[in-house]
Amino acid sequence: MGLLEFIDWGGGDILYYASKYLTEALESDRYTAPEVIERHMREGKLGMRDGQGFYDFDAMDTTAYRRETLSRFTGLMRHMKLLQPPHQPGNEDQ
């Protein structure tokens, strides 16, 4: 997943408000949201859940897209042996 797709996945508004918070809390312009994010906020292009962001999701089956993306990600995690099985109560090592 590339950076722009990641922003659309989570929502440009999340990035905008997190950037705004960090800029104010840390008193640093380093965390200011890029102008394109501010423009998307004004235009209502907030990402996948709104149908438009950096990508156009209007004609896409976003449920299937999310499922496929998460499936690929969990497959990669399994391949790298980074995905642990869920904890089962009563199976604690003694």
PDB file of N, CA and C in Angstrom:
ATOM      1  N   MET A   1       0.863  -1.164   0.000  1.00  0.00           N
ATOM      2  CA  MET A   1       0.000   0.000   0.000  1.00  0.00           C
ATOM      3  C   MET A   1       0.909   1.226   0.000  1.00  0.00           C
ATOM      4  N   GLY A   2       0.663   2.093  -0.937  1.00  0.00           N
ATOM      5  CA  GLY A   2       1.443   3.324  -1.016  1.00  0.00           C
ATOM      6  C   GLY A   2       0.911   4.389  -0.068  1.00  0.00           C
ATOM      7  N   LEU A   3       1.651   5.470   0.040  1.00  0.00           N
ATOM      8  CA  LEU A   3       1.318   6.533   0.981  1.00  0.00           C
ATOM      9  C   LEU A   3      -0.058   7.152   0.716  1.00  0.00           C
ATOM     10  N   LEU A   4      -0.367   7.469  -0.537  1.00  0.00           N
ATOM     11  CA  LEU A   4      -1.651   8.111  -0.848  1.00  0.00           C
ATOM     12  C   LEU A   4      -2.814   7.161  -0.610  1.00  0.00           C
ATOM     13  N   GLU A   5      -2.625   5.900  -0.953  1.00  0.00           N
ATOM     14  CA  GLU A   5      -3.653   4.895  -0.695  1.00  0.00           C
ATOM     15  C   GLU A   5      -3.864   4.743   0.816  1.00  0.00           C
ATOM     16  N   PHE A   6      -2.765   4.769   1.578  1.00  0.00           N
ATOM     17  CA  PHE A   6      -2.836   4.674   3.034  1.00  0.00           C
ATOM     18  C   PHE A   6      -3.625   5.846   3.618  1.00  0.00           C
ATOM     19  N   ILE A   7      -3.391   7.041   3.112  1.00  0.00           N
ATOM     20  CA  ILE A   7      -4.131   8.222   3.582  1.00  0.00           C
ATOM     21  C   ILE A   7      -5.614   8.064   3.261  1.00  0.00           C
ATOM     22  N   ASP A   8      -5.940   7.640   2.044  1.00  0.00           N
ATOM     23  CA  ASP A   8      -7.343   7.434   1.674  1.00  0.00           C
ATOM     24  C   ASP A   8      -7.985   6.342   2.518  1.00  0.00           C
ATOM     25  N   TRP A   9      -7.234   5.302   2.845  1.00  0.00           N
ATOM     26  CA  TRP A   9      -7.744   4.186   3.641  1.00  0.00           C
ATOM     27  C   TRP A   9      -8.165   4.689   5.020  1.00  0.00           C
ATOM     28  N   GLY A  10      -7.286   5.442   5.661  1.00  0.00           N
ATOM     29  CA  GLY A  10      -7.560   5.926   7.014  1.00  0.00           C
ATOM     30  C   GLY A  10      -8.416   7.172   7.056  1.00  0.00           C
ATOM     31  N   GLY A  11      -8.338   7.973   6.034  1.00  0.00           N
ATOM     32  CA  GLY A  11      -9.104   9.211   5.975  1.00  0.00           C
ATOM     33  C   GLY A  11      -8.212  10.432   6.072  1.00  0.00           C
ATOM     34  N   GLY A  12      -8.304  11.286   5.079  1.00  0.00           N
ATOM     35  CA  GLY A  12      -7.514  12.519   5.068  1.00  0.00           C
ATOM     36  C   GLY A  12      -7.847  13.420   6.239  1.00  0.00           C
ATOM     37  N   ASP A  13      -9.071  13.331   6.739  1.00  0.00           N
ATOM     38  CA  ASP A  13      -9.452  14.151   7.888  1.00  0.00           C
ATOM     39  C   ASP A  13      -8.690  13.729   9.139  1.00  0.00           C
ATOM     40  N   ILE A  14      -8.407  12.436   9.272  1.00  0.00           N
ATOM     41  CA  ILE A  14      -7.631  11.951  10.415  1.00  0.00           C
ATOM     42  C   ILE A  14      -6.231  12.552  10.368  1.00  0.00           C
ATOM     43  N   LEU A  15      -5.612  12.505   9.186  1.00  0.00           N
ATOM     44  CA  LEU A  15      -4.284  13.095   9.015  1.00  0.00           C
ATOM     45  C   LEU A  15      -4.337  14.595   9.302  1.00  0.00           C
ATOM     46  N   TYR A  16      -5.356  15.273   8.804  1.00  0.00           N
ATOM     47  CA  TYR A  16      -5.492  16.717   9.004  1.00  0.00           C
ATOM     48  C   TYR A  16      -5.572  17.062  10.492  1.00  0.00           C
ATOM     49  N   TYR A  17      -6.475  16.401  11.211  1.00  0.00           N
ATOM     50  CA  TYR A  17      -6.661  16.733  12.624  1.00  0.00           C
ATOM     51  C   TYR A  17      -5.475  16.291  13.480  1.00  0.00           C
ATOM     52  N   ALA A  18      -4.856  15.169  13.153  1.00  0.00           N
ATOM     53  CA  ALA A  18      -3.657  14.740  13.892  1.00  0.00           C
ATOM     54  C   ALA A  18      -2.528  15.736  13.666  1.00  0.00           C
ATOM     55  N   SER A  19      -2.364  16.183  12.426  1.00  0.00           N
ATOM     56  CA  SER A  19      -1.333  17.172  12.114  1.00  0.00           C
ATOM     57  C   SER A  19      -1.587  18.473  12.846  1.00  0.00           C
ATOM     58  N   LYS A  20      -2.837  18.900  12.854  1.00  0.00           N
ATOM     59  CA  LYS A  20      -3.200  20.141  13.542  1.00  0.00           C
ATOM     60  C   LYS A  20      -2.898  20.030  15.044  1.00  0.00           C
ATOM     61  N   TYR A  21      -3.274  18.911  15.634  1.00  0.00           N
ATOM     62  CA  TYR A  21      -3.016  18.699  17.061  1.00  0.00           C
ATOM     63  C   TYR A  21      -1.522  18.741  17.352  1.00  0.00           C
ATOM     64  N   LEU A  22      -0.720  17.996  16.585  1.00  0.00           N
ATOM     65  CA  LEU A  22       0.721  17.951  16.820  1.00  0.00           C
ATOM     66  C   LEU A  22       1.369  19.310  16.619  1.00  0.00           C
ATOM     67  N   THR A  23       0.936  20.034  15.595  1.00  0.00           N
ATOM     68  CA  THR A  23       1.487  21.363  15.331  1.00  0.00           C
ATOM     69  C   THR A  23       1.263  22.281  16.524  1.00  0.00           C
ATOM     70  N   GLU A  24       0.048  22.250  17.069  1.00  0.00           N
ATOM     71  CA  GLU A  24      -0.275  23.113  18.208  1.00  0.00           C
ATOM     72  C   GLU A  24       0.366  22.605  19.498  1.00  0.00           C
ATOM     73  N   ALA A  25       0.268  21.313  19.770  1.00  0.00           N
ATOM     74  CA  ALA A  25       0.774  20.759  21.023  1.00  0.00           C
ATOM     75  C   ALA A  25       2.293  20.853  21.132  1.00  0.00           C
ATOM     76  N   LEU A  26       2.978  20.646  20.025  1.00  0.00           N
ATOM     77  CA  LEU A  26       4.436  20.673  20.040  1.00  0.00           C
ATOM     78  C   LEU A  26       5.005  21.999  19.569  1.00  0.00           C
ATOM     79  N   GLU A  27       4.109  22.920  19.245  1.00  0.00           N
ATOM     80  CA  GLU A  27       4.495  24.262  18.788  1.00  0.00           C
ATOM     81  C   GLU A  27       5.556  24.185  17.694  1.00  0.00           C
ATOM     82  N   SER A  28       5.250  23.377  16.674  1.00  0.00           N
ATOM     83  CA  SER A  28       6.190  23.188  15.578  1.00  0.00           C
ATOM     84  C   SER A  28       5.440  23.069  14.259  1.00  0.00           C
ATOM     85  N   ASP A  29       5.847  23.896  13.291  1.00  0.00           N
ATOM     86  CA  ASP A  29       5.244  23.828  11.962  1.00  0.00           C
ATOM     87  C   ASP A  29       5.654  22.567  11.207  1.00  0.00           C
ATOM     88  N   ARG A  30       6.578  21.827  11.767  1.00  0.00           N
ATOM     89  CA  ARG A  30       7.034  20.579  11.130  1.00  0.00           C
ATOM     90  C   ARG A  30       5.873  19.625  10.883  1.00  0.00           C
ATOM     91  N   TYR A  31       4.856  19.681  11.731  1.00  0.00           N
ATOM     92  CA  TYR A  31       3.749  18.737  11.665  1.00  0.00           C
ATOM     93  C   TYR A  31       2.535  19.276  10.915  1.00  0.00           C
ATOM     94  N   THR A  32       2.648  20.443  10.325  1.00  0.00           N
ATOM     95  CA  THR A  32       1.545  21.028   9.568  1.00  0.00           C
ATOM     96  C   THR A  32       1.158  20.123   8.407  1.00  0.00           C
ATOM     97  N   ALA A  33      -0.146  19.926   8.226  1.00  0.00           N
ATOM     98  CA  ALA A  33      -0.630  19.088   7.122  1.00  0.00           C
ATOM     99  C   ALA A  33      -0.249  19.712   5.788  1.00  0.00           C
ATOM    100  N   PRO A  34       0.090  18.881   4.807  1.00  0.00           N
ATOM    101  CA  PRO A  34       0.389  19.413   3.478  1.00  0.00           C
ATOM    102  C   PRO A  34      -0.824  20.150   2.895  1.00  0.00           C
ATOM    103  N   GLU A  35      -0.567  21.096   2.023  1.00  0.00           N
ATOM    104  CA  GLU A  35      -1.632  21.902   1.426  1.00  0.00           C
ATOM    105  C   GLU A  35      -2.665  21.034   0.729  1.00  0.00           C
ATOM    106  N   VAL A  36      -2.238  19.957   0.083  1.00  0.00           N
ATOM    107  CA  VAL A  36      -3.179  19.090  -0.631  1.00  0.00           C
ATOM    108  C   VAL A  36      -4.179  18.460   0.345  1.00  0.00           C
ATOM    109  N   ILE A  37      -3.750  18.159   1.554  1.00  0.00           N
ATOM    110  CA  ILE A  37      -4.662  17.604   2.563  1.00  0.00           C
ATOM    111  C   ILE A  37      -5.672  18.676   2.981  1.00  0.00           C
ATOM    112  N   GLU A  38      -5.208  19.899   3.171  1.00  0.00           N
ATOM    113  CA  GLU A  38      -6.122  20.997   3.518  1.00  0.00           C
ATOM    114  C   GLU A  38      -7.129  21.240   2.394  1.00  0.00           C
ATOM    115  N   ARG A  39      -6.658  21.174   1.146  1.00  0.00           N
ATOM    116  CA  ARG A  39      -7.560  21.357  -0.002  1.00  0.00           C
ATOM    117  C   ARG A  39      -8.598  20.243  -0.050  1.00  0.00           C
ATOM    118  N   HIS A  40      -8.166  19.015   0.155  1.00  0.00           N
ATOM    119  CA  HIS A  40      -9.114  17.895   0.175  1.00  0.00           C
ATOM    120  C   HIS A  40     -10.142  18.061   1.288  1.00  0.00           C
ATOM    121  N   MET A  41      -9.734  18.581   2.430  1.00  0.00           N
ATOM    122  CA  MET A  41     -10.685  18.841   3.521  1.00  0.00           C
ATOM    123  C   MET A  41     -11.754  19.826   3.047  1.00  0.00           C
ATOM    124  N   ARG A  42     -11.320  20.910   2.418  1.00  0.00           N
ATOM    125  CA  ARG A  42     -12.279  21.927   1.926  1.00  0.00           C
ATOM    126  C   ARG A  42     -13.223  21.344   0.874  1.00  0.00           C
ATOM    127  N   GLU A  43     -12.699  20.433   0.045  1.00  0.00           N
ATOM    128  CA  GLU A  43     -13.477  19.856  -1.049  1.00  0.00           C
ATOM    129  C   GLU A  43     -14.275  18.623  -0.623  1.00  0.00           C
ATOM    130  N   GLY A  44     -14.104  18.173   0.612  1.00  0.00           N
ATOM    131  CA  GLY A  44     -14.822  16.995   1.089  1.00  0.00           C
ATOM    132  C   GLY A  44     -14.297  15.684   0.534  1.00  0.00           C
ATOM    133  N   LYS A  45     -13.056  15.691   0.082  1.00  0.00           N
ATOM    134  CA  LYS A  45     -12.419  14.475  -0.447  1.00  0.00           C
ATOM    135  C   LYS A  45     -11.616  13.844   0.683  1.00  0.00           C
ATOM    136  N   LEU A  46     -12.305  13.113   1.535  1.00  0.00           N
ATOM    137  CA  LEU A  46     -11.685  12.628   2.762  1.00  0.00           C
ATOM    138  C   LEU A  46     -11.161  11.205   2.661  1.00  0.00           C
ATOM    139  N   GLY A  47     -11.449  10.518   1.579  1.00  0.00           N
ATOM    140  CA  GLY A  47     -10.903   9.175   1.413  1.00  0.00           C
ATOM    141  C   GLY A  47     -11.948   8.147   1.046  1.00  0.00           C
ATOM    142  N   MET A  48     -11.606   6.910   1.316  1.00  0.00           N
ATOM    143  CA  MET A  48     -12.416   5.777   0.882  1.00  0.00           C
ATOM    144  C   MET A  48     -13.846   5.826   1.412  1.00  0.00           C
ATOM    145  N   ARG A  49     -14.018   6.135   2.685  1.00  0.00           N
ATOM    146  CA  ARG A  49     -15.374   6.087   3.254  1.00  0.00           C
ATOM    147  C   ARG A  49     -16.299   7.138   2.643  1.00  0.00           C
ATOM    148  N   ASP A  50     -15.713   8.189   2.046  1.00  0.00           N
ATOM    149  CA  ASP A  50     -16.518   9.220   1.395  1.00  0.00           C
ATOM    150  C   ASP A  50     -16.573   9.057  -0.117  1.00  0.00           C
ATOM    151  N   GLY A  51     -15.844   8.059  -0.638  1.00  0.00           N
ATOM    152  CA  GLY A  51     -15.890   7.775  -2.067  1.00  0.00           C
ATOM    153  C   GLY A  51     -14.878   8.530  -2.897  1.00  0.00           C
ATOM    154  N   GLN A  52     -14.170   9.470  -2.290  1.00  0.00           N
ATOM    155  CA  GLN A  52     -13.215  10.283  -3.053  1.00  0.00           C
ATOM    156  C   GLN A  52     -12.119  10.766  -2.123  1.00  0.00           C
ATOM    157  N   GLY A  53     -10.903  10.684  -2.592  1.00  0.00           N
ATOM    158  CA  GLY A  53      -9.734  11.193  -1.880  1.00  0.00           C
ATOM    159  C   GLY A  53      -8.680  11.433  -2.934  1.00  0.00           C
ATOM    160  N   PHE A  54      -7.522  10.821  -2.774  1.00  0.00           N
ATOM    161  CA  PHE A  54      -6.539  10.853  -3.848  1.00  0.00           C
ATOM    162  C   PHE A  54      -7.000   9.943  -4.974  1.00  0.00           C
ATOM    163  N   TYR A  55      -7.744   8.903  -4.599  1.00  0.00           N
ATOM    164  CA  TYR A  55      -8.312   7.964  -5.570  1.00  0.00           C
ATOM    165  C   TYR A  55      -9.826   8.122  -5.590  1.00  0.00           C
ATOM    166  N   ASP A  56     -10.434   7.698  -6.688  1.00  0.00           N
ATOM    167  CA  ASP A  56     -11.888   7.732  -6.830  1.00  0.00           C
ATOM    168  C   ASP A  56     -12.425   6.344  -6.484  1.00  0.00           C
ATOM    169  N   PHE A  57     -13.190   6.263  -5.406  1.00  0.00           N
ATOM    170  CA  PHE A  57     -13.721   4.992  -4.934  1.00  0.00           C
ATOM    171  C   PHE A  57     -15.199   4.814  -5.256  1.00  0.00           C
ATOM    172  N   ASP A  58     -15.804   5.779  -5.942  1.00  0.00           N
ATOM    173  CA  ASP A  58     -17.249   5.727  -6.191  1.00  0.00           C
ATOM    174  C   ASP A  58     -17.703   4.458  -6.893  1.00  0.00           C
ATOM    175  N   ALA A  59     -16.967   4.013  -7.894  1.00  0.00           N
ATOM    176  CA  ALA A  59     -17.382   2.840  -8.666  1.00  0.00           C
ATOM    177  C   ALA A  59     -16.788   1.540  -8.115  1.00  0.00           C
ATOM    178  N   MET A  60     -16.086   1.633  -7.007  1.00  0.00           N
ATOM    179  CA  MET A  60     -15.394   0.468  -6.453  1.00  0.00           C
ATOM    180  C   MET A  60     -16.230  -0.198  -5.360  1.00  0.00           C
ATOM    181  N   ASP A  61     -16.144  -1.505  -5.296  1.00  0.00           N
ATOM    182  CA  ASP A  61     -16.732  -2.252  -4.183  1.00  0.00           C
ATOM    183  C   ASP A  61     -15.716  -2.177  -3.045  1.00  0.00           C
ATOM    184  N   THR A  62     -15.851  -1.165  -2.190  1.00  0.00           N
ATOM    185  CA  THR A  62     -14.852  -0.925  -1.149  1.00  0.00           C
ATOM    186  C   THR A  62     -14.819  -2.036  -0.101  1.00  0.00           C
ATOM    187  N   THR A  63     -15.929  -2.708   0.116  1.00  0.00           N
ATOM    188  CA  THR A  63     -15.932  -3.828   1.060  1.00  0.00           C
ATOM    189  C   THR A  63     -15.020  -4.938   0.549  1.00  0.00           C
ATOM    190  N   ALA A  64     -15.149  -5.285  -0.716  1.00  0.00           N
ATOM    191  CA  ALA A  64     -14.293  -6.314  -1.313  1.00  0.00           C
ATOM    192  C   ALA A  64     -12.844  -5.851  -1.356  1.00  0.00           C
ATOM    193  N   TYR A  65     -12.622  -4.581  -1.669  1.00  0.00           N
ATOM    194  CA  TYR A  65     -11.266  -4.019  -1.713  1.00  0.00           C
ATOM    195  C   TYR A  65     -10.607  -4.094  -0.338  1.00  0.00           C
ATOM    196  N   ARG A  66     -11.325  -3.721   0.694  1.00  0.00           N
ATOM    197  CA  ARG A  66     -10.786  -3.789   2.062  1.00  0.00           C
ATOM    198  C   ARG A  66     -10.461  -5.236   2.438  1.00  0.00           C
ATOM    199  N   ARG A  67     -11.388  -6.138   2.126  1.00  0.00           N
ATOM    200  CA  ARG A  67     -11.188  -7.551   2.450  1.00  0.00           C
ATOM    201  C   ARG A  67      -9.942  -8.093   1.753  1.00  0.00           C
ATOM    202  N   GLU A  68      -9.785  -7.804   0.474  1.00  0.00           N
ATOM    203  CA  GLU A  68      -8.632  -8.279  -0.295  1.00  0.00           C
ATOM    204  C   GLU A  68      -7.331  -7.675   0.231  1.00  0.00           C
ATOM    205  N   THR A  69      -7.340  -6.395   0.539  1.00  0.00           N
ATOM    206  CA  THR A  69      -6.135  -5.736   1.048  1.00  0.00           C
ATOM    207  C   THR A  69      -5.730  -6.311   2.398  1.00  0.00           C
ATOM    208  N   LEU A  70      -6.690  -6.498   3.293  1.00  0.00           N
ATOM    209  CA  LEU A  70      -6.391  -7.071   4.605  1.00  0.00           C
ATOM    210  C   LEU A  70      -5.932  -8.523   4.485  1.00  0.00           C
ATOM    211  N   SER A  71      -6.499  -9.250   3.540  1.00  0.00           N
ATOM    212  CA  SER A  71      -6.090 -10.633   3.299  1.00  0.00           C
ATOM    213  C   SER A  71      -4.634 -10.696   2.844  1.00  0.00           C
ATOM    214  N   ARG A  72      -4.256  -9.820   1.913  1.00  0.00           N
ATOM    215  CA  ARG A  72      -2.860  -9.772   1.457  1.00  0.00           C
ATOM    216  C   ARG A  72      -1.928  -9.409   2.611  1.00  0.00           C
ATOM    217  N   PHE A  73      -2.354  -8.446   3.438  1.00  0.00           N
ATOM    218  CA  PHE A  73      -1.524  -8.011   4.558  1.00  0.00           C
ATOM    219  C   PHE A  73      -1.337  -9.140   5.573  1.00  0.00           C
ATOM    220  N   THR A  74      -2.417  -9.826   5.937  1.00  0.00           N
ATOM    221  CA  THR A  74      -2.281 -10.921   6.897  1.00  0.00           C
ATOM    222  C   THR A  74      -1.471 -12.076   6.293  1.00  0.00           C
ATOM    223  N   GLY A  75      -1.610 -12.298   4.993  1.00  0.00           N
ATOM    224  CA  GLY A  75      -0.782 -13.312   4.324  1.00  0.00           C
ATOM    225  C   GLY A  75       0.699 -12.965   4.420  1.00  0.00           C
ATOM    226  N   LEU A  76       1.023 -11.712   4.226  1.00  0.00           N
ATOM    227  CA  LEU A  76       2.411 -11.259   4.357  1.00  0.00           C
ATOM    228  C   LEU A  76       2.897 -11.430   5.790  1.00  0.00           C
ATOM    229  N   MET A  77       2.072 -11.075   6.755  1.00  0.00           N
ATOM    230  CA  MET A  77       2.437 -11.232   8.163  1.00  0.00           C
ATOM    231  C   MET A  77       2.685 -12.705   8.494  1.00  0.00           C
ATOM    232  N   ARG A  78       1.838 -13.604   7.986  1.00  0.00           N
ATOM    233  CA  ARG A  78       2.036 -15.044   8.209  1.00  0.00           C
ATOM    234  C   ARG A  78       3.348 -15.511   7.575  1.00  0.00           C
ATOM    235  N   HIS A  79       3.583 -15.079   6.349  1.00  0.00           N
ATOM    236  CA  HIS A  79       4.800 -15.454   5.631  1.00  0.00           C
ATOM    237  C   HIS A  79       6.047 -15.025   6.397  1.00  0.00           C
ATOM    238  N   MET A  80       5.996 -13.864   7.002  1.00  0.00           N
ATOM    239  CA  MET A  80       7.138 -13.337   7.758  1.00  0.00           C
ATOM    240  C   MET A  80       7.163 -13.859   9.198  1.00  0.00           C
ATOM    241  N   LYS A  81       6.183 -14.720   9.515  1.00  0.00           N
ATOM    242  CA  LYS A  81       6.062 -15.293  10.858  1.00  0.00           C
ATOM    243  C   LYS A  81       5.904 -14.219  11.940  1.00  0.00           C
ATOM    244  N   LEU A  82       5.160 -13.178  11.594  1.00  0.00           N
ATOM    245  CA  LEU A  82       4.904 -12.077  12.527  1.00  0.00           C
ATOM    246  C   LEU A  82       3.482 -12.103  13.081  1.00  0.00           C
ATOM    247  N   LEU A  83       2.676 -13.019  12.599  1.00  0.00           N
ATOM    248  CA  LEU A  83       1.286 -13.102  13.043  1.00  0.00           C
ATOM    249  C   LEU A  83       1.170 -14.216  14.071  1.00  0.00           C
ATOM    250  N   GLN A  84       0.861 -13.852  15.288  1.00  0.00           N
ATOM    251  CA  GLN A  84       0.736 -14.816  16.376  1.00  0.00           C
ATOM    252  C   GLN A  84      -0.704 -15.313  16.448  1.00  0.00           C
ATOM    253  N   PRO A  85      -0.892 -16.595  16.785  1.00  0.00           N
ATOM    254  CA  PRO A  85      -2.263 -17.086  16.971  1.00  0.00           C
ATOM    255  C   PRO A  85      -2.890 -16.390  18.173  1.00  0.00           C
ATOM    256  N   PRO A  86      -4.198 -16.283  18.211  1.00  0.00           N
ATOM    257  CA  PRO A  86      -4.847 -15.623  19.345  1.00  0.00           C
ATOM    258  C   PRO A  86      -4.590 -16.385  20.639  1.00  0.00           C
ATOM    259  N   HIS A  87      -4.546 -15.658  21.725  1.00  0.00           N
ATOM    260  CA  HIS A  87      -4.339 -16.250  23.044  1.00  0.00           C
ATOM    261  C   HIS A  87      -5.581 -17.036  23.438  1.00  0.00           C
ATOM    262  N   GLN A  88      -5.389 -18.251  23.900  1.00  0.00           N
ATOM    263  CA  GLN A  88      -6.487 -19.095  24.359  1.00  0.00           C
ATOM    264  C   GLN A  88      -6.400 -19.215  25.872  1.00  0.00           C
ATOM    265  N   PRO A  89      -7.374 -18.718  26.612  1.00  0.00           N
ATOM    266  CA  PRO A  89      -7.336 -18.838  28.076  1.00  0.00           C
ATOM    267  C   PRO A  89      -7.216 -20.309  28.471  1.00  0.00           C
ATOM    268  N   GLY A  90      -6.395 -20.573  29.488  1.00  0.00           N
ATOM    269  CA  GLY A  90      -6.192 -21.933  29.955  1.00  0.00           C
ATOM    270  C   GLY A  90      -5.021 -22.634  29.301  1.00  0.00           C
ATOM    271  N   ASN A  91      -4.444 -22.021  28.250  1.00  0.00           N
ATOM    272  CA  ASN A  91      -3.292 -22.634  27.571  1.00  0.00           C
ATOM    273  C   ASN A  91      -1.987 -21.951  27.941  1.00  0.00           C
ATOM    274  N   GLU A  92      -1.915 -21.359  29.126  1.00  0.00           N
ATOM    275  CA  GLU A  92      -0.719 -20.667  29.539  1.00  0.00           C
ATOM    276  C   GLU A  92       0.412 -21.681  29.740  1.00  0.00           C
ATOM    277  N   ASP A  93       1.596 -21.289  29.299  1.00  0.00           N
ATOM    278  CA  ASP A  93       2.780 -22.141  29.529  1.00  0.00           C
ATOM    279  C   ASP A  93       3.077 -22.165  31.018  1.00  0.00           C
ATOM    280  N   GLN A  94       3.394 -23.335  31.542  1.00  0.00           N
ATOM    281  CA  GLN A  94       3.680 -23.436  32.983  1.00  0.00           C
ATOM    282  C   GLN A  94       5.092 -23.773  33.249  1.00  0.00           C
TER     283      GLN A  94
END
